[in-house]
Amino acid sequence: MSISKPPFFDGNNYSHWKAKMTIFIQALDFNLWDIIIDGPKLPHITSQEGIKTLKPRSSYTDVDRKKVQLNAKAKHVIICALNSNEFNRVSSCATTKEMWDRLEVTYEGTNQVKDAKINMLVREYEMFSMKENENISGMFVRFTNIINSLQSLNKCYTNSEMVRKILRCLPKSWMPKVTAIEEAKDLNTLPLEELLGSLMTHEMTIKNHEDDEEQDKKKKKVIAFNSSTTDPSEEDSDDEMALITRRIKKYLAKKKFGNKHFKKTLPSKSETKKEEIICFECNKPGHYKSECPRLKKAKDTIKKKKAMLATWSDSDESSSEEEDNQEVAQLAFMAINDSDEDEDENEVSELLEVLEKFSLENTSLKKTIKALNRENVSLKQEIECQSNKSLDDKTISLEKENEILKVEIDALKKTFSKVSNSSEKLDKLLGLQRCVFNKAGLGYDEMNNVKHFQKYLEKKNNQKISSSITSNYCNRYGHTTHTCYRKRNDMHNRNLLLKNKLLKLKTIWVPKGTFFTNPPDPTWVPKSST
């Protein structure tokens, strides 16, 4: 792959292509990356009304042409990195930002899909552990894949968190190394690459020790050679003697010589029948074919032929009589072969490995069950808390509504009491009215109350007038401002003060045409003192 050629995308592994493409565009020109993220900066014209419109190409300046060229260049870079199917997907987009956003939505999904992916990857991160018979490099590759996919979805972990997670996911056989790293180094500042290097070196030393132990076990295997000579005549005699002894024991058991505690005097049916039995191998009575000594002898010879490797010495062809009478020495080499034992040991080791594997799976499943139970309990508690909170909120809102309604009820009661009182008063007033047949006051007067003449001048009631007149100076009833005695006293006092001031003043002669430039400063005097 050349440096000037963008990374090709065929619809697979979008997160990997996205990371490579961002680095390629930023290295090519960072302005292109700004256009892809923020959108194109096309030249516009603002009218007098404040409306922006695209500038026509005929009126482009050099700066405008550079902006348009950057937009086309960014579009060219993205299109060259796509195959035909992906090009058809984004060919209808007008800007590079729309193309980039459409690819993100297609392969990463909307915000809801991203949140679901983040939750799945976070769960994988939390449940991450080293598998059985897995090396450190493979474990680290799986871990980096999870971290990179989370980083592509804007979910990042710090270096110290990743270091602690890797130390937690190691099996029990690595616990001494984990404790040594925790005590010797600061996990907050320990780089992830340094941790990986120390774990890989420890893994190499463990493998070397295991290889040395296997070589030592192979060296301890022993090979032994045994030689044995057999005489068939002796074997035949031994078999015949064994058969004779069996028959004698049976005969003595029948005659009560072999067993003193034998209760039956007569022979049993099985014994009488057994004497009548004839062997199908040797055609002799007294035993079955399975108990026949000849059959056992044949089986022993077959086994010996399979187990032994015999070498016969050569003799001269001319002396045939000597060959018949000559004793041939059988030399057998027996090797103690541990193949069966090794096979058994291998089977046992395989079974132990399978058992350990299933036990580890069982423990992991138990841990997952415990974690799920904890999550279930926590979710139930959250549901109860939320239900309690909702009930509390409802009770608080109902209490507030109750208080508001109580206040409204009190106000309505007051208004109702006022209305009831006014209605009672009105009823009283209506009750105090004259009778219907009393027509006085409605323009009808009796003859006794009729006046035969009208007084044009009537005497005024001074008491009523004096009570209605008030003075604007002292705000008292019974007189006006002109007849107010307080005002007269105040005016008299003012006149006296003015006279005293005029007497105290001195007159000075000043030539005509001079102006008095420094008059005395005016002093503030309260209104009441004047």
Protein backbone atom coordinates (compact mmCIF):
# COMPACT_ATOMS: atom_id res chain seq x y z
CA MET A 1 0.00 0.00 0.00
CA SER A 2 1.43 3.36 -1.02
CA ILE A 3 1.49 6.41 1.21
CA SER A 4 -0.36 8.60 -1.30
CA LYS A 5 -3.19 6.09 -1.81
CA PRO A 6 -6.07 6.15 0.71
CA PRO A 7 -7.03 2.94 2.56
CA PHE A 8 -9.60 0.94 0.61
CA PHE A 9 -13.01 0.14 2.15
CA ASP A 10 -15.09 -2.80 0.89
CA GLY A 11 -17.83 -2.78 3.53
CA ASN A 12 -16.01 -4.87 6.16
CA ASN A 13 -14.33 -3.77 9.41
CA TYR A 14 -15.49 -0.14 9.32
CA SER A 15 -13.89 0.84 12.64
CA HIS A 16 -10.44 -0.23 11.37
CA TRP A 17 -10.92 1.68 8.10
CA LYS A 18 -12.22 4.78 9.91
CA ALA A 19 -9.13 5.00 12.14
CA LYS A 20 -6.78 4.60 9.17
CA MET A 21 -8.75 7.08 7.04
CA THR A 22 -8.73 9.81 9.71
CA ILE A 23 -4.95 9.51 10.08
CA PHE A 24 -4.49 9.55 6.29
CA ILE A 25 -6.65 12.69 5.78
CA GLN A 26 -5.03 14.55 8.68
CA ALA A 27 -1.57 13.72 7.33
CA LEU A 28 -2.54 14.77 3.81
CA ASP A 29 -4.05 18.15 4.76
CA PHE A 30 -5.66 19.06 8.08
CA ASN A 31 -7.96 21.55 6.34
CA LEU A 32 -9.58 18.60 4.57
CA TRP A 33 -10.38 17.04 7.94
CA ASP A 34 -11.97 20.33 9.10
CA ILE A 35 -14.15 20.35 5.98
CA ILE A 36 -15.26 16.73 6.59
CA ILE A 37 -16.15 17.38 10.24
CA ASP A 38 -17.48 20.98 10.08
CA GLY A 39 -18.80 21.06 6.52
CA PRO A 40 -17.60 22.93 3.40
CA LYS A 41 -16.81 26.65 3.45
CA LEU A 42 -18.37 27.78 0.17
CA PRO A 43 -18.27 31.48 -0.87
CA HIS A 44 -21.51 33.38 -0.19
CA ILE A 45 -22.91 36.80 -1.00
CA THR A 46 -25.07 38.73 1.46
CA SER A 47 -27.76 40.93 -0.05
CA GLN A 48 -28.97 44.25 1.36
CA GLU A 49 -31.82 42.43 3.07
CA GLY A 50 -29.32 40.18 4.89
CA ILE A 51 -30.02 37.00 2.88
CA LYS A 52 -26.99 34.81 2.05
CA THR A 53 -26.74 33.21 -1.39
CA LEU A 54 -24.01 31.24 -3.15
CA LYS A 55 -21.59 33.32 -5.15
CA PRO A 56 -21.60 32.60 -8.91
CA ARG A 57 -18.46 31.06 -10.40
CA SER A 58 -17.83 34.02 -12.63
CA SER A 59 -17.23 36.24 -9.59
CA TYR A 60 -14.90 33.82 -7.74
CA THR A 61 -11.66 35.20 -6.36
CA ASP A 62 -8.47 33.22 -5.77
CA VAL A 63 -9.42 32.62 -2.13
CA ASP A 64 -12.87 31.39 -3.16
CA ARG A 65 -11.37 29.01 -5.70
CA LYS A 66 -9.04 27.55 -3.05
CA LYS A 67 -12.02 26.90 -0.74
CA VAL A 68 -13.98 25.16 -3.49
CA GLN A 69 -10.89 23.17 -4.49
CA LEU A 70 -10.42 21.93 -0.90
CA ASN A 71 -14.02 20.72 -0.82
CA ALA A 72 -13.56 18.85 -4.11
CA LYS A 73 -10.26 17.39 -2.90
CA ALA A 74 -11.87 16.04 0.29
CA LYS A 75 -14.67 14.52 -1.79
CA HIS A 76 -12.12 12.95 -4.13
CA VAL A 77 -10.19 11.35 -1.23
CA ILE A 78 -13.32 9.70 0.21
CA ILE A 79 -14.62 8.48 -3.17
CA CYS A 80 -11.25 6.94 -4.13
CA ALA A 81 -11.28 4.89 -0.89
CA LEU A 82 -14.69 3.24 -1.58
CA ASN A 83 -15.71 0.32 -3.75
CA SER A 84 -18.64 0.43 -6.18
CA ASN A 85 -21.32 -0.58 -3.65
CA GLU A 86 -20.21 1.99 -1.09
CA PHE A 87 -19.90 4.65 -3.81
CA ASN A 88 -23.52 4.04 -4.80
CA ARG A 89 -24.45 4.49 -1.15
CA VAL A 90 -22.92 8.00 -0.89
CA SER A 91 -23.11 9.22 -4.49
CA SER A 92 -26.25 11.29 -3.83
CA CYS A 93 -24.54 13.33 -1.07
CA ALA A 94 -23.61 16.90 -1.98
CA THR A 95 -20.87 17.49 0.61
CA THR A 96 -18.15 15.42 2.22
CA LYS A 97 -19.73 15.86 5.65
CA GLU A 98 -22.94 14.20 4.43
CA MET A 99 -20.91 11.31 2.95
CA TRP A 100 -18.96 10.77 6.18
CA ASP A 101 -22.10 10.97 8.34
CA ARG A 102 -23.97 8.51 6.12
CA LEU A 103 -21.17 5.95 6.40
CA GLU A 104 -21.12 6.39 10.18
CA VAL A 105 -24.88 5.90 10.49
CA THR A 106 -24.78 2.86 8.16
CA TYR A 107 -22.02 0.95 9.96
CA GLU A 108 -22.06 2.39 13.47
CA GLY A 109 -25.78 3.14 13.73
CA THR A 110 -27.62 5.92 15.45
CA ASN A 111 -26.99 7.07 19.00
CA GLN A 112 -29.23 4.32 20.38
CA VAL A 113 -27.30 1.66 18.45
CA LYS A 114 -24.01 3.15 19.62
CA ASP A 115 -25.19 3.04 23.23
CA ALA A 116 -26.19 -0.61 22.83
CA LYS A 117 -22.79 -1.45 21.31
CA ILE A 118 -21.02 0.41 24.10
CA ASN A 119 -22.99 -1.55 26.71
CA MET A 120 -22.08 -4.87 25.04
CA LEU A 121 -18.40 -3.97 24.77
CA VAL A 122 -18.29 -2.70 28.36
CA ARG A 123 -19.74 -6.04 29.49
CA GLU A 124 -17.06 -7.89 27.48
CA TYR A 125 -14.44 -5.65 29.08
CA GLU A 126 -15.72 -6.35 32.58
CA MET A 127 -16.03 -10.14 31.99
CA PHE A 128 -12.65 -10.35 30.21
CA SER A 129 -10.33 -13.10 31.50
CA MET A 130 -7.43 -15.15 30.21
CA LYS A 131 -8.53 -18.41 28.58
CA GLU A 132 -7.06 -21.83 29.31
CA ASN A 133 -3.89 -22.67 27.33
CA GLU A 134 -3.80 -19.09 25.98
CA ASN A 135 -0.57 -17.15 25.73
CA ILE A 136 -0.05 -13.54 26.77
CA SER A 137 0.15 -12.20 23.22
CA GLY A 138 -3.20 -13.73 22.22
CA MET A 139 -4.83 -12.43 25.38
CA PHE A 140 -3.42 -8.94 24.74
CA VAL A 141 -4.71 -9.00 21.12
CA ARG A 142 -8.26 -9.76 22.33
CA PHE A 143 -7.97 -7.02 24.96
CA THR A 144 -6.76 -4.41 22.44
CA ASN A 145 -9.60 -5.29 20.04
CA ILE A 146 -12.16 -4.53 22.78
CA ILE A 147 -10.38 -1.29 23.75
CA ASN A 148 -10.08 -0.10 20.13
CA SER A 149 -13.76 -0.76 19.40
CA LEU A 150 -14.70 1.19 22.54
CA GLN A 151 -12.43 4.08 21.56
CA SER A 152 -14.05 4.22 18.12
CA LEU A 153 -17.38 4.76 19.96
CA ASN A 154 -15.85 7.53 22.14
CA LYS A 155 -15.62 5.33 25.26
CA CYS A 156 -12.09 5.47 26.66
CA TYR A 157 -10.33 3.98 29.67
CA THR A 158 -7.22 5.33 31.36
CA ASN A 159 -3.87 3.54 31.33
CA SER A 160 -4.05 2.65 35.03
CA GLU A 161 -7.52 1.12 34.61
CA MET A 162 -6.33 -1.07 31.72
CA VAL A 163 -3.23 -2.20 33.65
CA ARG A 164 -5.33 -3.18 36.68
CA LYS A 165 -7.82 -5.01 34.44
CA ILE A 166 -5.07 -7.11 32.82
CA LEU A 167 -3.66 -8.04 36.23
CA ARG A 168 -7.14 -9.04 37.43
CA CYS A 169 -7.85 -11.27 34.42
CA LEU A 170 -4.75 -13.48 34.92
CA PRO A 171 -5.31 -17.02 36.36
CA LYS A 172 -4.28 -18.23 39.83
CA SER A 173 -0.93 -19.61 38.62
CA TRP A 174 0.10 -16.01 37.85
CA MET A 175 -0.73 -14.63 41.30
CA PRO A 176 2.91 -14.52 42.53
CA LYS A 177 3.88 -12.47 39.47
CA VAL A 178 0.87 -10.16 39.96
CA THR A 179 1.75 -9.49 43.60
CA ALA A 180 5.38 -8.85 42.66
CA ILE A 181 4.36 -6.29 40.02
CA GLU A 182 1.92 -4.56 42.39
CA GLU A 183 4.55 -4.26 45.12
CA ALA A 184 7.50 -3.32 42.91
CA LYS A 185 5.88 -0.80 40.54
CA ASP A 186 3.36 2.02 40.64
CA LEU A 187 0.29 0.97 38.67
CA ASN A 188 -0.78 4.58 38.08
CA THR A 189 2.38 5.33 36.05
CA LEU A 190 3.18 1.85 34.68
CA PRO A 191 2.89 1.79 30.83
CA LEU A 192 0.85 -0.98 29.27
CA GLU A 193 3.71 -2.05 26.98
CA GLU A 194 6.09 -2.50 29.89
CA LEU A 195 3.54 -4.69 31.67
CA LEU A 196 3.13 -6.77 28.52
CA GLY A 197 6.89 -7.25 28.22
CA SER A 198 7.30 -8.40 31.83
CA LEU A 199 4.41 -10.88 31.49
CA MET A 200 5.82 -12.32 28.23
CA THR A 201 9.28 -12.83 29.78
CA HIS A 202 7.69 -14.62 32.74
CA GLU A 203 5.74 -16.83 30.33
CA MET A 204 8.95 -17.75 28.45
CA THR A 205 10.70 -18.78 31.68
CA ILE A 206 7.73 -20.96 32.68
CA LYS A 207 7.78 -22.71 29.27
CA ASN A 208 11.53 -23.39 29.53
CA HIS A 209 11.06 -25.01 32.96
CA GLU A 210 8.24 -27.20 31.62
CA ASP A 211 10.38 -28.35 28.65
CA ASP A 212 13.24 -29.29 30.98
CA GLU A 213 10.91 -31.33 33.18
CA GLU A 214 9.55 -33.26 30.18
CA GLN A 215 13.07 -34.11 29.01
CA ASP A 216 13.99 -35.37 32.49
CA LYS A 217 10.92 -37.65 32.52
CA LYS A 218 11.86 -39.15 29.14
CA LYS A 219 15.40 -39.92 30.34
CA LYS A 220 14.11 -41.87 33.35
CA LYS A 221 12.50 -44.64 31.21
CA VAL A 222 14.29 -48.09 31.71
CA ILE A 223 14.63 -50.98 29.26
CA ALA A 224 15.28 -54.50 30.74
CA PHE A 225 16.19 -57.74 28.94
CA ASN A 226 15.12 -61.11 30.42
CA SER A 227 15.90 -64.59 29.12
CA SER A 228 13.95 -67.71 29.93
CA THR A 229 14.06 -71.39 28.86
CA THR A 230 10.97 -73.55 28.83
CA ASP A 231 10.65 -77.34 28.63
CA PRO A 232 7.33 -78.52 27.16
CA SER A 233 7.62 -81.95 28.81
CA GLU A 234 7.80 -80.33 32.25
CA GLU A 235 4.75 -78.21 31.50
CA ASP A 236 2.80 -81.30 30.41
CA SER A 237 3.75 -83.13 33.58
CA ASP A 238 2.75 -80.14 35.70
CA ASP A 239 -0.65 -79.98 34.03
CA GLU A 240 -1.21 -83.72 34.51
CA MET A 241 -0.24 -83.45 38.19
CA ALA A 242 -2.66 -80.56 38.66
CA LEU A 243 -5.45 -82.64 37.10
CA ILE A 244 -4.67 -85.65 39.30
CA THR A 245 -4.63 -83.53 42.46
CA ARG A 246 -8.02 -82.05 41.58
CA ARG A 247 -9.53 -85.51 41.08
CA ILE A 248 -8.07 -86.75 44.38
CA LYS A 249 -9.52 -83.74 46.22
CA LYS A 250 -12.92 -84.37 44.72
CA TYR A 251 -12.74 -88.09 45.63
CA LEU A 252 -11.74 -87.28 49.20
CA ALA A 253 -14.53 -84.72 49.49
CA LYS A 254 -17.00 -87.41 48.44
CA LYS A 255 -15.67 -89.96 50.97
CA LYS A 256 -15.56 -87.43 53.85
CA PHE A 257 -11.80 -87.52 54.08
CA GLY A 258 -11.14 -84.01 52.93
CA ASN A 259 -13.69 -82.02 54.92
CA LYS A 260 -14.72 -83.03 58.46
CA HIS A 261 -17.59 -80.57 58.68
CA PHE A 262 -19.30 -81.91 55.56
CA LYS A 263 -22.88 -82.73 56.53
CA LYS A 264 -24.18 -84.74 53.57
CA THR A 265 -23.31 -88.43 53.40
CA LEU A 266 -24.47 -88.86 49.85
CA PRO A 267 -22.88 -87.03 46.92
CA SER A 268 -24.76 -84.07 45.52
CA LYS A 269 -26.53 -84.05 42.22
CA SER A 270 -24.00 -81.62 40.73
CA GLU A 271 -21.09 -83.95 41.61
CA THR A 272 -22.82 -87.01 40.26
CA LYS A 273 -23.63 -85.18 37.12
CA LYS A 274 -20.07 -83.83 36.81
CA GLU A 275 -18.67 -87.39 36.74
CA GLU A 276 -20.87 -88.11 33.80
CA ILE A 277 -19.64 -84.95 31.92
CA ILE A 278 -17.15 -85.49 29.08
CA CYS A 279 -14.74 -82.77 27.86
CA PHE A 280 -15.08 -81.89 24.18
CA GLU A 281 -11.36 -80.96 23.92
CA CYS A 282 -9.67 -84.13 25.23
CA ASN A 283 -12.73 -86.50 25.35
CA LYS A 284 -12.09 -87.33 29.01
CA PRO A 285 -14.72 -87.31 31.77
CA GLY A 286 -14.73 -85.21 34.93
CA HIS A 287 -14.30 -81.64 33.66
CA TYR A 288 -15.64 -79.08 31.25
CA LYS A 289 -13.91 -77.74 28.18
CA SER A 290 -13.12 -74.45 29.95
CA GLU A 291 -11.26 -76.45 32.67
CA CYS A 292 -9.36 -78.62 30.23
CA PRO A 293 -5.55 -78.52 30.79
CA ARG A 294 -4.80 -78.96 27.08
CA LEU A 295 -6.72 -75.81 26.19
CA LYS A 296 -4.88 -73.84 28.89
CA LYS A 297 -1.57 -75.16 27.60
CA ALA A 298 -2.38 -74.03 24.04
CA LYS A 299 -3.32 -70.58 25.26
CA ASP A 300 -0.06 -70.30 27.24
CA THR A 301 1.99 -71.25 24.18
CA ILE A 302 0.18 -68.64 22.03
CA LYS A 303 0.89 -65.96 24.62
CA LYS A 304 4.54 -66.94 24.82
CA LYS A 305 4.87 -66.79 21.04
CA LYS A 306 3.48 -63.28 21.04
CA ALA A 307 5.64 -62.04 23.92
CA MET A 308 9.00 -63.64 23.09
CA LEU A 309 11.50 -63.12 20.31
CA ALA A 310 13.40 -66.36 19.90
CA THR A 311 16.64 -66.90 17.97
CA TRP A 312 17.53 -70.37 16.94
CA SER A 313 21.10 -71.47 16.36
CA ASP A 314 22.00 -72.88 12.93
CA SER A 315 23.37 -76.39 12.52
CA ASP A 316 24.93 -78.35 9.67
CA GLU A 317 22.58 -79.71 6.98
CA SER A 318 24.52 -82.91 6.54
CA SER A 319 24.10 -84.24 10.09
CA SER A 320 20.36 -84.84 10.26
CA GLU A 321 20.60 -87.33 13.14
CA GLU A 322 22.50 -84.82 15.25
CA GLU A 323 19.81 -82.20 14.56
CA ASP A 324 17.13 -84.50 16.02
CA ASN A 325 19.08 -85.25 19.18
CA GLN A 326 20.60 -81.75 19.58
CA GLU A 327 19.19 -79.46 22.26
CA VAL A 328 18.23 -76.06 20.88
CA ALA A 329 18.69 -73.14 23.28
CA GLN A 330 15.90 -70.60 23.24
CA LEU A 331 17.18 -67.10 23.92
CA ALA A 332 14.41 -64.59 24.59
CA PHE A 333 14.86 -60.91 25.15
CA MET A 334 12.09 -59.36 27.21
CA ALA A 335 11.87 -55.58 27.17
CA ILE A 336 9.94 -53.84 29.89
CA ASN A 337 7.85 -51.64 27.71
CA ASP A 338 5.98 -48.81 29.45
CA SER A 339 3.67 -48.22 26.50
CA ASP A 340 0.58 -49.43 28.35
CA GLU A 341 1.53 -47.46 31.42
CA ASP A 342 2.29 -44.40 29.29
CA GLU A 343 -1.05 -44.77 27.53
CA ASP A 344 -2.79 -45.02 30.87
CA GLU A 345 -0.90 -42.00 32.15
CA ASN A 346 -1.76 -40.06 28.98
CA GLU A 347 -5.41 -41.00 29.33
CA VAL A 348 -5.37 -39.96 32.98
CA SER A 349 -3.66 -36.66 32.14
CA GLU A 350 -6.16 -35.99 29.34
CA LEU A 351 -9.04 -36.75 31.67
CA LEU A 352 -7.53 -34.45 34.30
CA GLU A 353 -7.17 -31.68 31.72
CA VAL A 354 -10.79 -32.14 30.65
CA LEU A 355 -11.85 -32.12 34.30
CA GLU A 356 -9.88 -28.92 34.96
CA LYS A 357 -11.39 -27.35 31.86
CA PHE A 358 -14.92 -28.18 32.92
CA SER A 359 -14.20 -27.09 36.49
CA LEU A 360 -12.94 -23.73 35.23
CA GLU A 361 -16.01 -23.38 33.03
CA ASN A 362 -18.15 -24.30 36.02
CA THR A 363 -16.47 -21.68 38.21
CA SER A 364 -16.81 -19.05 35.49
CA LEU A 365 -20.49 -19.91 35.07
CA LYS A 366 -20.97 -19.71 38.83
CA LYS A 367 -19.33 -16.30 38.83
CA THR A 368 -21.58 -15.14 36.00
CA ILE A 369 -24.62 -16.49 37.84
CA LYS A 370 -23.57 -14.62 40.98
CA ALA A 371 -23.00 -11.45 38.98
CA LEU A 372 -26.39 -11.80 37.31
CA ASN A 373 -28.04 -12.42 40.66
CA ARG A 374 -26.38 -9.30 42.02
CA GLU A 375 -27.53 -7.32 39.01
CA ASN A 376 -31.03 -8.71 39.47
CA VAL A 377 -31.05 -7.70 43.14
CA SER A 378 -29.66 -4.25 42.34
CA LEU A 379 -32.23 -3.75 39.58
CA LYS A 380 -35.03 -4.81 41.90
CA GLN A 381 -33.76 -2.35 44.51
CA GLU A 382 -33.59 0.40 41.89
CA ILE A 383 -37.14 -0.40 40.77
CA GLU A 384 -38.34 -0.26 44.38
CA CYS A 385 -36.50 3.02 44.96
CA GLN A 386 -37.95 4.52 41.79
CA SER A 387 -41.44 3.34 42.70
CA ASN A 388 -41.03 4.78 46.19
CA LYS A 389 -39.75 8.04 44.73
CA SER A 390 -42.68 8.23 42.34
CA LEU A 391 -45.09 7.55 45.20
CA ASP A 392 -43.37 10.19 47.34
CA ASP A 393 -43.58 12.70 44.50
CA LYS A 394 -47.26 11.90 44.04
CA THR A 395 -47.94 12.29 47.76
CA ILE A 396 -46.07 15.61 47.85
CA SER A 397 -47.97 16.89 44.81
CA LEU A 398 -51.28 15.76 46.32
CA GLU A 399 -50.44 17.43 49.63
CA LYS A 400 -49.66 20.67 47.81
CA GLU A 401 -52.93 20.44 45.90
CA ASN A 402 -54.71 19.72 49.18
CA GLU A 403 -53.21 22.84 50.79
CA ILE A 404 -54.12 24.97 47.76
CA LEU A 405 -57.66 23.63 47.83
CA LYS A 406 -57.89 24.32 51.57
CA VAL A 407 -56.86 27.94 50.98
CA GLU A 408 -59.42 28.25 48.20
CA ILE A 409 -62.08 26.71 50.45
CA ASP A 410 -61.27 29.21 53.22
CA ALA A 411 -61.52 32.11 50.75
CA LEU A 412 -64.80 30.78 49.42
CA LYS A 413 -66.10 30.39 52.95
CA LYS A 414 -65.25 34.03 53.70
CA THR A 415 -66.93 35.23 50.53
CA PHE A 416 -69.92 33.03 51.27
CA SER A 417 -70.16 34.43 54.81
CA LYS A 418 -70.03 37.97 53.40
CA VAL A 419 -72.72 37.16 50.88
CA SER A 420 -74.86 35.52 53.54
CA ASN A 421 -74.44 38.55 55.85
CA SER A 422 -75.32 40.96 53.05
CA SER A 423 -78.35 38.87 52.18
CA GLU A 424 -79.44 38.94 55.83
CA LYS A 425 -79.00 42.72 55.95
CA LEU A 426 -80.93 43.13 52.76
CA ASP A 427 -83.69 40.98 54.19
CA LYS A 428 -83.75 43.20 57.28
CA LEU A 429 -83.92 46.36 55.15
CA LEU A 430 -86.68 44.89 53.08
CA GLY A 431 -88.51 43.99 56.28
CA LEU A 432 -88.25 47.56 57.60
CA GLN A 433 -90.00 49.00 54.56
CA ARG A 434 -93.52 50.48 54.77
CA CYS A 435 -96.56 48.55 54.00
CA VAL A 436 -97.76 48.30 50.47
CA PHE A 437 -100.91 50.27 51.15
CA ASN A 438 -98.95 53.18 52.77
CA LYS A 439 -98.57 55.55 49.81
CA ALA A 440 -96.76 58.38 51.59
CA GLY A 441 -93.41 59.24 50.08
CA LEU A 442 -94.43 58.20 46.58
CA GLY A 443 -95.70 61.69 45.53
CA TYR A 444 -98.79 61.48 47.71
CA ASP A 445 -99.15 63.69 50.80
CA GLU A 446 -102.01 63.96 53.16
CA MET A 447 -104.03 67.22 53.47
CA ASN A 448 -102.49 68.00 56.84
CA ASN A 449 -98.94 68.05 55.46
CA VAL A 450 -99.72 70.21 52.41
CA LYS A 451 -98.20 73.74 52.45
CA HIS A 452 -100.32 76.45 50.84
CA PHE A 453 -97.34 78.85 50.29
CA GLN A 454 -93.56 78.57 49.58
CA LYS A 455 -90.79 80.25 51.53
CA TYR A 456 -88.30 81.85 49.21
CA LEU A 457 -85.74 82.66 51.93
CA GLU A 458 -85.09 80.10 54.52
CA LYS A 459 -82.72 80.25 57.44
CA LYS A 460 -79.65 78.11 56.96
CA ASN A 461 -78.50 75.72 59.61
CA ASN A 462 -75.00 76.95 60.56
CA GLN A 463 -74.14 73.81 62.47
CA LYS A 464 -74.53 71.61 59.41
CA ILE A 465 -72.53 74.00 57.22
CA SER A 466 -69.73 74.43 59.74
CA SER A 467 -69.35 70.68 60.07
CA SER A 468 -68.97 70.30 56.30
CA ILE A 469 -66.41 73.20 55.77
CA THR A 470 -62.64 72.52 56.32
CA SER A 471 -59.53 74.71 56.23
CA ASN A 472 -56.85 73.74 53.71
CA TYR A 473 -54.14 75.29 55.89
CA CYS A 474 -54.67 73.51 59.21
CA ASN A 475 -57.05 70.77 57.96
CA ARG A 476 -59.64 71.43 60.63
CA TYR A 477 -63.40 71.68 60.37
CA GLY A 478 -65.59 74.73 61.01
CA HIS A 479 -63.73 77.46 59.09
CA THR A 480 -62.05 78.29 55.80
CA THR A 481 -58.46 79.30 54.96
CA HIS A 482 -59.33 82.99 54.90
CA THR A 483 -60.69 82.87 58.47
CA CYS A 484 -58.01 80.49 59.79
CA TYR A 485 -56.45 81.88 62.96
CA ARG A 486 -53.32 79.69 62.60
CA LYS A 487 -52.59 81.22 59.24
CA ARG A 488 -52.92 84.73 60.67
CA ASN A 489 -50.48 84.00 63.49
CA ASP A 490 -47.96 82.52 61.09
CA MET A 491 -48.14 85.51 58.75
CA HIS A 492 -47.62 87.88 61.66
CA ASN A 493 -44.53 86.03 62.81
CA ARG A 494 -43.06 86.09 59.31
CA ASN A 495 -43.48 89.83 59.01
CA LEU A 496 -41.66 90.36 62.32
CA LEU A 497 -38.72 88.27 61.16
CA LEU A 498 -38.41 90.18 57.91
CA LYS A 499 -38.37 93.48 59.73
CA ASN A 500 -35.60 92.32 62.05
CA LYS A 501 -33.50 91.20 59.09
CA LEU A 502 -33.91 94.51 57.29
CA LEU A 503 -32.81 96.42 60.36
CA LYS A 504 -29.64 94.39 60.65
CA LEU A 505 -28.55 95.06 57.04
CA LYS A 506 -25.93 97.83 56.36
CA THR A 507 -25.93 99.94 53.20
CA ILE A 508 -22.60 100.70 51.45
CA TRP A 509 -22.02 103.26 48.71
CA VAL A 510 -20.80 101.84 45.47
CA PRO A 511 -19.95 103.83 42.38
CA LYS A 512 -22.23 103.52 39.43
CA GLY A 513 -21.28 100.92 36.91
CA THR A 514 -19.65 98.49 39.39
CA PHE A 515 -21.02 94.99 39.78
CA PHE A 516 -20.99 92.99 42.96
CA THR A 517 -19.20 89.80 41.86
CA ASN A 518 -18.97 87.98 45.21
CA PRO A 519 -22.44 87.89 46.65
CA PRO A 520 -23.00 85.88 49.84
CA ASP A 521 -23.74 82.22 49.37
CA PRO A 522 -27.36 81.30 49.79
CA THR A 523 -28.10 79.27 52.89
CA TRP A 524 -30.79 76.60 53.19
CA VAL A 525 -33.56 77.42 55.67
CA PRO A 526 -36.39 75.03 56.52
CA LYS A 527 -39.79 75.97 55.28
CA SER A 528 -41.33 75.99 58.73
CA SER A 529 -38.85 78.63 60.05
CA THR A 530 -39.70 81.18 57.33
